[in-house]
Amino acid sequence: MTLLRTPLYDWHAAHQGRIVEFGGWEMPVQYTGIVDEHHAVRKAAGLFDISHMGRLSFSGLDVEPFLSRLVTCRVDNLADGQIRYGLVCGQNGGVLDDILVYKLDPLHFGLVVNASNRAKIVAWIEQHEAGIESADHAVDFEFLDQTTESAMIAIQGPKALMILSKLARSAVDLGSLRYYSGCPSEVAGVEAYISRTGYTGEDGFEIVISESPAAAVKVWEQLLEAGQGDGLLPCGLGCRDTLRLEAAMPLYGHELNENVDPLTAGLAFAVKLDKPDFIGRDALVKIKAEPNRPVRVGLKLASRRIARENAELYSGDVRIGQVTSGTFSPTLEQSIAMGYVDASHAATGTAVEVDIRGKREAATVVALPFYKRAQ
């Protein structure tokens, strides 16, 4: 398989970015080091190339009802510029992907999907696109995958607003832009769309640039220059993972997959069962009524050893679940993990054991998230 490269790939390679394969793309996992980059985001700001994320565009009169059927969240009451977290589910209620829905204006919407699921979600959309019908007008629906024709950059951290404001020119003051909303803007003289969203647990913004690969490089370099005296660092996927785990944000392929439903995953806030019809709804109604479903929990380990994905969890000799993600938290200086356990062992404070390569390590169930930024 030929791996894809973002418009910023050459910059990463020229600036000591350690390149790895991720979701079909060649991406930087780190520059100076995961811990340094992690602390930069928590204390100042970090700059991420997230152009590997899928960017899907929809336009037309029939888009809103189509997306309402496609995703678990409500779409009909989105205001222009509002963004909402949701999920795409199969008929069995299992998660095909977790996504962001953007309402750009009454006839234009966008979806941001995970890189590893882009082809699957595009195929799922095309499969269900054929079922669009309209009783009072010719079908008005256009769908485009714009991932390879654009770039996406995230700036995250307590100084993100200050740094981005040096270069952004928009009708909306970025400081007043609400969380999970966006607006058109110019950044370093380049047309862009800015959203106040992110995947780190910090305040921050994500910037979509469609002009050209060179324009994406210009924005990237000028942001780094603007934040040079404020602690801004280029960051790779390595610290993006430690940051999101501290913030207890689920990652597809770990906490989420086609055999895990969003209710069990603790994402009921993004599932609106009162919507009349969406794919997977009937299955989710039945799942909600099931007693004693597994529960996604946080774990803090007594030792510094890391509980990796699929490590088994025990209470005495009884297996009660397994780890989905684990790391050593740079912020907390403690080994943390997320996983699924039997409901009878999900209460905060419950003592469990993690099997790490054949040796049991003591752990405690804790409330999520592990880290929450000061407001």
Protein backbone atom coordinates (compact mmCIF):
# COMPACT_ATOMS: atom_id res chain seq x y z
CA MET A 1 0.00 0.00 0.00
CA THR A 2 1.27 3.44 -0.93
CA LEU A 3 1.19 5.72 2.09
CA LEU A 4 -0.26 9.21 1.78
CA ARG A 5 1.62 12.37 2.73
CA THR A 6 0.20 15.62 4.05
CA PRO A 7 1.14 19.01 2.52
CA LEU A 8 3.48 19.47 5.51
CA TYR A 9 5.36 16.17 5.09
CA ASP A 10 8.51 17.74 3.62
CA TRP A 11 8.62 20.25 6.50
CA HIS A 12 8.37 17.43 9.07
CA ALA A 13 11.12 15.42 7.38
CA ALA A 14 13.41 18.46 7.17
CA HIS A 15 12.93 19.35 10.85
CA GLN A 16 13.78 16.05 12.55
CA GLY A 17 10.22 14.77 12.73
CA ARG A 18 10.36 11.01 13.33
CA ILE A 19 8.02 9.65 10.67
CA VAL A 20 5.77 6.61 11.24
CA GLU A 21 2.85 5.01 9.43
CA PHE A 22 -0.52 5.96 10.90
CA GLY A 23 -3.93 5.33 9.34
CA GLY A 24 -2.45 5.02 5.87
CA TRP A 25 -0.35 8.21 6.18
CA GLU A 26 3.28 9.04 6.87
CA MET A 27 3.06 11.19 10.00
CA PRO A 28 5.49 12.63 12.58
CA VAL A 29 5.28 10.84 15.94
CA GLN A 30 7.62 13.31 17.68
CA TYR A 31 10.28 16.01 17.24
CA THR A 32 12.15 16.88 20.45
CA GLY A 33 10.40 14.14 22.42
CA ILE A 34 6.93 13.11 23.53
CA VAL A 35 7.27 14.37 27.11
CA ASP A 36 8.65 17.79 26.09
CA GLU A 37 5.89 18.22 23.53
CA HIS A 38 3.22 17.06 25.99
CA HIS A 39 4.32 19.62 28.59
CA ALA A 40 4.42 22.36 25.94
CA VAL A 41 0.72 21.78 25.22
CA ARG A 42 -0.23 21.72 28.91
CA LYS A 43 1.83 24.81 29.83
CA ALA A 44 2.05 26.89 26.63
CA ALA A 45 1.00 25.59 23.20
CA GLY A 46 1.66 22.87 20.66
CA LEU A 47 1.20 22.80 16.88
CA PHE A 48 -0.07 19.59 15.24
CA ASP A 49 -0.41 18.54 11.62
CA ILE A 50 -3.74 16.70 11.58
CA SER A 51 -4.21 16.74 7.82
CA HIS A 52 -4.56 12.95 7.90
CA MET A 53 -8.04 13.37 9.42
CA GLY A 54 -10.80 12.88 6.85
CA ARG A 55 -12.64 16.02 5.72
CA LEU A 56 -15.95 15.31 4.00
CA SER A 57 -18.12 18.03 2.48
CA PHE A 58 -21.90 17.97 1.92
CA SER A 59 -24.14 20.50 0.20
CA GLY A 60 -27.77 20.73 -0.87
CA LEU A 61 -31.33 20.81 0.44
CA ASP A 62 -31.33 17.11 1.33
CA VAL A 63 -28.10 17.08 3.34
CA GLU A 64 -29.58 17.76 6.77
CA PRO A 65 -32.06 14.84 6.76
CA PHE A 66 -29.39 12.55 5.32
CA LEU A 67 -26.87 13.40 8.04
CA SER A 68 -29.59 13.12 10.69
CA ARG A 69 -30.09 9.51 9.62
CA LEU A 70 -26.35 8.85 9.36
CA VAL A 71 -25.21 10.05 12.82
CA THR A 72 -26.36 9.57 16.41
CA CYS A 73 -26.42 13.25 17.39
CA ARG A 74 -29.00 15.83 16.42
CA VAL A 75 -28.28 17.80 13.26
CA ASP A 76 -31.59 19.61 12.76
CA ASN A 77 -31.00 22.13 15.55
CA LEU A 78 -27.41 23.07 14.73
CA ALA A 79 -26.85 26.79 14.25
CA ASP A 80 -24.63 28.07 11.46
CA GLY A 81 -21.03 27.73 12.63
CA GLN A 82 -21.90 25.15 15.31
CA ILE A 83 -20.05 21.84 15.60
CA ARG A 84 -21.24 18.67 17.33
CA TYR A 85 -19.62 15.39 18.36
CA GLY A 86 -21.44 12.27 17.23
CA LEU A 87 -21.01 8.72 16.04
CA VAL A 88 -21.72 6.71 12.94
CA CYS A 89 -23.11 3.31 13.94
CA GLY A 90 -23.87 0.08 12.14
CA GLN A 91 -27.27 -1.57 12.29
CA ASN A 92 -26.07 -3.54 15.36
CA GLY A 93 -25.27 -0.32 17.23
CA GLY A 94 -21.52 -0.83 16.99
CA VAL A 95 -19.40 2.25 16.30
CA LEU A 96 -18.13 2.65 12.74
CA ASP A 97 -16.46 5.94 13.66
CA ASP A 98 -16.71 8.92 15.99
CA ILE A 99 -17.00 12.16 14.08
CA LEU A 100 -17.52 15.91 14.22
CA VAL A 101 -20.45 17.45 12.32
CA TYR A 102 -19.92 21.05 11.14
CA LYS A 103 -22.82 23.22 10.01
CA LEU A 104 -21.22 25.85 7.82
CA ASP A 105 -24.48 27.39 6.57
CA PRO A 106 -28.02 26.13 5.90
CA LEU A 107 -26.97 24.19 2.79
CA HIS A 108 -23.39 23.24 3.65
CA PHE A 109 -22.16 20.74 6.23
CA GLY A 110 -18.89 18.99 6.91
CA LEU A 111 -17.78 15.82 8.67
CA VAL A 112 -14.35 15.24 10.18
CA VAL A 113 -13.63 11.52 10.49
CA ASN A 114 -10.70 9.43 11.68
CA ALA A 115 -7.95 8.78 9.14
CA SER A 116 -8.08 5.00 9.51
CA ASN A 117 -11.86 5.00 8.93
CA ARG A 118 -12.10 7.46 6.05
CA ALA A 119 -12.47 4.87 3.27
CA LYS A 120 -15.01 2.91 5.33
CA ILE A 121 -17.12 5.98 6.09
CA VAL A 122 -16.98 7.21 2.47
CA ALA A 123 -18.21 3.79 1.33
CA TRP A 124 -20.94 3.82 4.02
CA ILE A 125 -22.11 7.26 2.86
CA GLU A 126 -22.16 6.18 -0.77
CA GLN A 127 -24.12 3.05 0.15
CA HIS A 128 -26.82 5.05 1.93
CA GLU A 129 -26.75 8.01 -0.43
CA ALA A 130 -28.72 5.91 -2.90
CA GLY A 131 -31.70 5.92 -0.51
CA ILE A 132 -32.19 9.69 -0.52
CA GLU A 133 -35.66 10.67 -1.66
CA SER A 134 -37.54 13.94 -1.79
CA ALA A 135 -41.27 14.29 -2.29
CA ASP A 136 -41.38 17.98 -3.20
CA HIS A 137 -38.24 18.66 -5.27
CA ALA A 138 -35.51 17.02 -7.30
CA VAL A 139 -32.93 15.41 -5.03
CA ASP A 140 -30.40 18.06 -4.03
CA PHE A 141 -27.35 16.40 -2.49
CA GLU A 142 -23.62 16.61 -3.24
CA PHE A 143 -20.91 14.78 -1.34
CA LEU A 144 -17.14 15.30 -1.73
CA ASP A 145 -14.11 13.85 0.02
CA GLN A 146 -11.77 16.85 0.30
CA THR A 147 -9.11 15.24 2.50
CA THR A 148 -6.27 15.15 -0.02
CA GLU A 149 -7.14 18.60 -1.38
CA SER A 150 -6.78 20.44 1.92
CA ALA A 151 -4.77 20.62 5.12
CA MET A 152 -5.71 20.75 8.79
CA ILE A 153 -3.59 22.20 11.58
CA ALA A 154 -4.32 22.23 15.32
CA ILE A 155 -2.90 24.70 17.82
CA GLN A 156 -3.61 23.58 21.38
CA GLY A 157 -2.74 24.90 24.83
CA PRO A 158 -3.34 27.82 27.21
CA LYS A 159 -1.47 30.22 24.90
CA ALA A 160 -3.14 29.01 21.68
CA LEU A 161 -5.63 31.88 21.52
CA MET A 162 -2.96 34.52 22.06
CA ILE A 163 -0.67 33.08 19.37
CA LEU A 164 -3.36 32.44 16.76
CA SER A 165 -4.86 35.91 17.30
CA LYS A 166 -1.60 37.46 16.08
CA LEU A 167 -2.25 36.05 12.60
CA ALA A 168 -6.02 35.55 12.32
CA ARG A 169 -8.35 38.07 10.74
CA SER A 170 -12.06 37.22 10.91
CA ALA A 171 -15.42 38.84 11.47
CA VAL A 172 -15.69 36.95 14.77
CA ASP A 173 -13.34 37.73 17.66
CA LEU A 174 -11.61 34.43 18.38
CA GLY A 175 -11.75 35.08 22.11
CA SER A 176 -15.55 35.15 21.94
CA LEU A 177 -15.79 32.06 19.70
CA ARG A 178 -17.59 29.42 21.74
CA TYR A 179 -16.24 25.91 22.25
CA TYR A 180 -17.39 23.63 19.42
CA SER A 181 -18.07 26.44 16.99
CA GLY A 182 -16.21 27.87 14.03
CA CYS A 183 -15.97 30.67 11.49
CA PRO A 184 -14.29 31.58 8.19
CA SER A 185 -11.08 33.53 8.66
CA GLU A 186 -7.74 34.47 7.23
CA VAL A 187 -4.63 33.14 8.92
CA ALA A 188 -1.33 34.68 7.80
CA GLY A 189 -3.19 36.04 4.78
CA VAL A 190 -4.50 32.59 3.79
CA GLU A 191 -8.23 31.81 3.64
CA ALA A 192 -9.15 29.22 6.25
CA TYR A 193 -11.89 27.89 8.50
CA ILE A 194 -11.14 28.05 12.23
CA SER A 195 -12.93 25.94 14.82
CA ARG A 196 -12.53 26.01 18.60
CA THR A 197 -12.12 22.26 18.93
CA GLY A 198 -9.35 19.81 19.77
CA TYR A 199 -8.25 16.47 21.14
CA THR A 200 -5.93 17.35 24.01
CA GLY A 201 -8.09 18.51 26.91
CA GLU A 202 -6.78 22.07 26.45
CA ASP A 203 -8.29 25.15 24.87
CA GLY A 204 -7.30 25.36 21.24
CA PHE A 205 -8.25 25.68 17.60
CA GLU A 206 -8.25 23.61 14.44
CA ILE A 207 -7.62 25.31 11.11
CA VAL A 208 -8.67 23.94 7.71
CA ILE A 209 -6.78 25.32 4.70
CA SER A 210 -7.97 24.51 1.18
CA GLU A 211 -5.97 27.02 -0.86
CA SER A 212 -2.82 25.04 -1.70
CA PRO A 213 -0.07 22.91 -0.12
CA ALA A 214 2.22 25.94 -0.12
CA ALA A 215 -0.42 27.94 1.76
CA ALA A 216 -0.55 25.26 4.47
CA VAL A 217 3.22 25.44 4.90
CA LYS A 218 3.02 29.24 5.12
CA VAL A 219 0.41 29.10 7.89
CA TRP A 220 2.39 26.42 9.78
CA GLU A 221 5.66 28.34 9.63
CA GLN A 222 4.13 31.69 10.54
CA LEU A 223 2.32 30.19 13.51
CA LEU A 224 5.61 28.73 14.76
CA GLU A 225 7.27 32.11 14.31
CA ALA A 226 4.41 33.91 16.09
CA GLY A 227 4.71 31.54 19.05
CA GLN A 228 8.49 31.40 19.19
CA GLY A 229 8.77 33.45 22.38
CA ASP A 230 5.74 31.86 24.03
CA GLY A 231 6.85 28.22 24.24
CA LEU A 232 5.04 26.92 21.13
CA LEU A 233 6.48 23.63 19.84
CA PRO A 234 5.70 21.47 16.81
CA CYS A 235 4.17 18.26 18.14
CA GLY A 236 3.70 14.74 16.84
CA LEU A 237 1.15 12.00 17.26
CA GLY A 238 2.95 10.61 20.33
CA CYS A 239 1.98 13.40 22.69
CA ARG A 240 -1.41 13.74 21.01
CA ASP A 241 -2.11 10.26 22.40
CA THR A 242 -0.85 10.94 25.94
CA LEU A 243 -2.78 14.21 26.04
CA ARG A 244 -6.07 12.69 24.89
CA LEU A 245 -5.68 9.79 27.34
CA GLU A 246 -5.20 12.16 30.28
CA ALA A 247 -8.39 13.91 29.11
CA ALA A 248 -10.14 10.49 28.82
CA MET A 249 -11.06 11.04 25.19
CA PRO A 250 -11.81 7.72 23.46
CA LEU A 251 -9.69 6.66 20.49
CA TYR A 252 -11.10 4.59 17.65
CA GLY A 253 -9.43 1.18 17.53
CA HIS A 254 -8.93 1.28 21.31
CA GLU A 255 -12.01 2.38 23.28
CA LEU A 256 -14.23 2.30 20.17
CA ASN A 257 -14.75 -0.26 17.43
CA GLU A 258 -17.51 -1.97 15.49
CA ASN A 259 -18.18 -4.36 18.40
CA VAL A 260 -18.50 -1.60 21.00
CA ASP A 261 -21.64 0.54 21.16
CA PRO A 262 -21.51 4.21 22.23
CA LEU A 263 -23.70 3.67 25.31
CA THR A 264 -21.31 1.10 26.75
CA ALA A 265 -18.44 3.44 25.82
CA GLY A 266 -19.92 6.16 28.04
CA LEU A 267 -20.93 8.39 25.12
CA ALA A 268 -24.68 8.52 25.75
CA PHE A 269 -24.52 12.34 25.56
CA ALA A 270 -23.85 11.99 21.81
CA VAL A 271 -26.70 9.52 21.20
CA LYS A 272 -30.17 11.03 20.84
CA LEU A 273 -32.57 8.11 21.01
CA ASP A 274 -35.49 10.54 20.79
CA LYS A 275 -34.60 11.16 17.15
CA PRO A 276 -37.22 9.30 15.05
CA ASP A 277 -34.74 7.33 12.97
CA PHE A 278 -31.01 6.89 12.57
CA ILE A 279 -28.94 3.90 11.59
CA GLY A 280 -28.43 1.67 14.63
CA ARG A 281 -31.13 3.32 16.77
CA ASP A 282 -33.27 0.22 17.27
CA ALA A 283 -30.26 -1.81 18.38
CA LEU A 284 -29.18 0.94 20.79
CA VAL A 285 -32.64 1.11 22.36
CA LYS A 286 -32.34 -2.62 23.17
CA ILE A 287 -28.76 -2.23 24.41
CA LYS A 288 -29.79 0.59 26.75
CA ALA A 289 -32.26 -1.77 28.43
CA GLU A 290 -29.65 -4.46 29.02
CA PRO A 291 -28.58 -4.75 32.69
CA ASN A 292 -24.97 -4.99 33.83
CA ARG A 293 -23.28 -3.86 30.63
CA PRO A 294 -19.48 -3.35 30.84
CA VAL A 295 -18.39 0.15 31.85
CA ARG A 296 -15.49 2.28 30.55
CA VAL A 297 -13.41 3.29 33.56
CA GLY A 298 -10.19 5.05 34.44
CA LEU A 299 -7.40 3.24 36.27
CA LYS A 300 -4.43 4.49 38.24
CA LEU A 301 -1.66 1.96 38.82
CA ALA A 302 0.31 1.71 42.03
CA SER A 303 3.56 1.13 40.11
CA ARG A 304 5.13 3.00 37.20
CA ARG A 305 4.65 0.06 34.82
CA ILE A 306 2.43 0.77 31.83
CA ALA A 307 -0.77 -1.20 31.26
CA ARG A 308 -0.92 -1.67 27.51
CA GLU A 309 -3.94 -2.33 25.32
CA ASN A 310 -5.54 -5.77 25.92
CA ALA A 311 -3.90 -6.25 29.32
CA GLU A 312 -6.40 -8.26 31.38
CA LEU A 313 -8.01 -6.93 34.55
CA TYR A 314 -8.74 -9.11 37.58
CA SER A 315 -10.46 -9.11 40.93
CA GLY A 316 -8.81 -12.00 42.75
CA ASP A 317 -8.94 -14.93 40.35
CA VAL A 318 -11.88 -13.54 38.38
CA ARG A 319 -11.23 -11.79 35.07
CA ILE A 320 -13.37 -8.63 35.08
CA GLY A 321 -12.26 -6.78 31.94
CA GLN A 322 -9.36 -5.48 29.91
CA VAL A 323 -7.34 -2.35 29.23
CA THR A 324 -7.99 -0.38 26.03
CA SER A 325 -5.32 2.36 26.39
CA GLY A 326 -2.51 2.98 28.84
CA THR A 327 0.47 5.29 29.31
CA PHE A 328 2.67 6.96 31.90
CA SER A 329 1.06 10.37 32.39
CA PRO A 330 3.62 13.19 32.06
CA THR A 331 1.25 15.59 33.84
CA LEU A 332 0.32 13.35 36.78
CA GLU A 333 3.65 11.46 36.82
CA GLN A 334 1.69 8.26 37.26
CA SER A 335 0.74 5.24 35.18
CA ILE A 336 -2.85 5.54 33.97
CA ALA A 337 -5.14 3.50 31.76
CA MET A 338 -8.67 3.23 30.45
CA GLY A 339 -10.53 -0.02 29.99
CA TYR A 340 -13.82 -1.85 30.24
CA VAL A 341 -14.81 -3.72 33.40
CA ASP A 342 -17.86 -5.58 34.61
CA ALA A 343 -20.44 -3.20 36.06
CA SER A 344 -20.02 -4.76 39.51
CA HIS A 345 -16.40 -3.54 39.62
CA ALA A 346 -16.85 -0.09 38.05
CA ALA A 347 -17.33 2.01 41.18
CA THR A 348 -14.70 4.68 41.89
CA GLY A 349 -12.24 3.38 44.47
CA THR A 350 -12.57 -0.29 43.50
CA ALA A 351 -9.27 -2.17 43.80
CA VAL A 352 -8.33 -4.30 40.78
CA GLU A 353 -5.22 -5.94 39.36
CA VAL A 354 -3.69 -5.58 35.91
CA ASP A 355 -1.84 -8.48 34.32
CA ILE A 356 1.24 -6.91 32.72
CA ARG A 357 3.26 -9.58 30.93
CA GLY A 358 2.34 -12.24 33.44
CA LYS A 359 2.80 -10.14 36.59
CA ARG A 360 -0.10 -8.64 38.52
CA GLU A 361 0.03 -4.91 39.32
CA ALA A 362 -2.34 -3.19 41.75
CA ALA A 363 -4.65 -0.52 40.34
CA THR A 364 -7.63 1.54 41.46
CA VAL A 365 -10.72 2.57 39.51
CA VAL A 366 -10.85 6.38 39.35
CA ALA A 367 -13.23 8.98 37.97
CA LEU A 368 -12.66 10.27 34.44
CA PRO A 369 -11.10 12.42 33.15
CA PHE A 370 -7.70 12.02 34.77
CA TYR A 371 -6.89 15.65 33.90
CA LYS A 372 -9.16 18.66 33.49
CA ARG A 373 -7.82 22.09 32.65
CA ALA A 374 -8.56 25.08 34.83
CA GLN A 375 -11.42 27.12 33.35
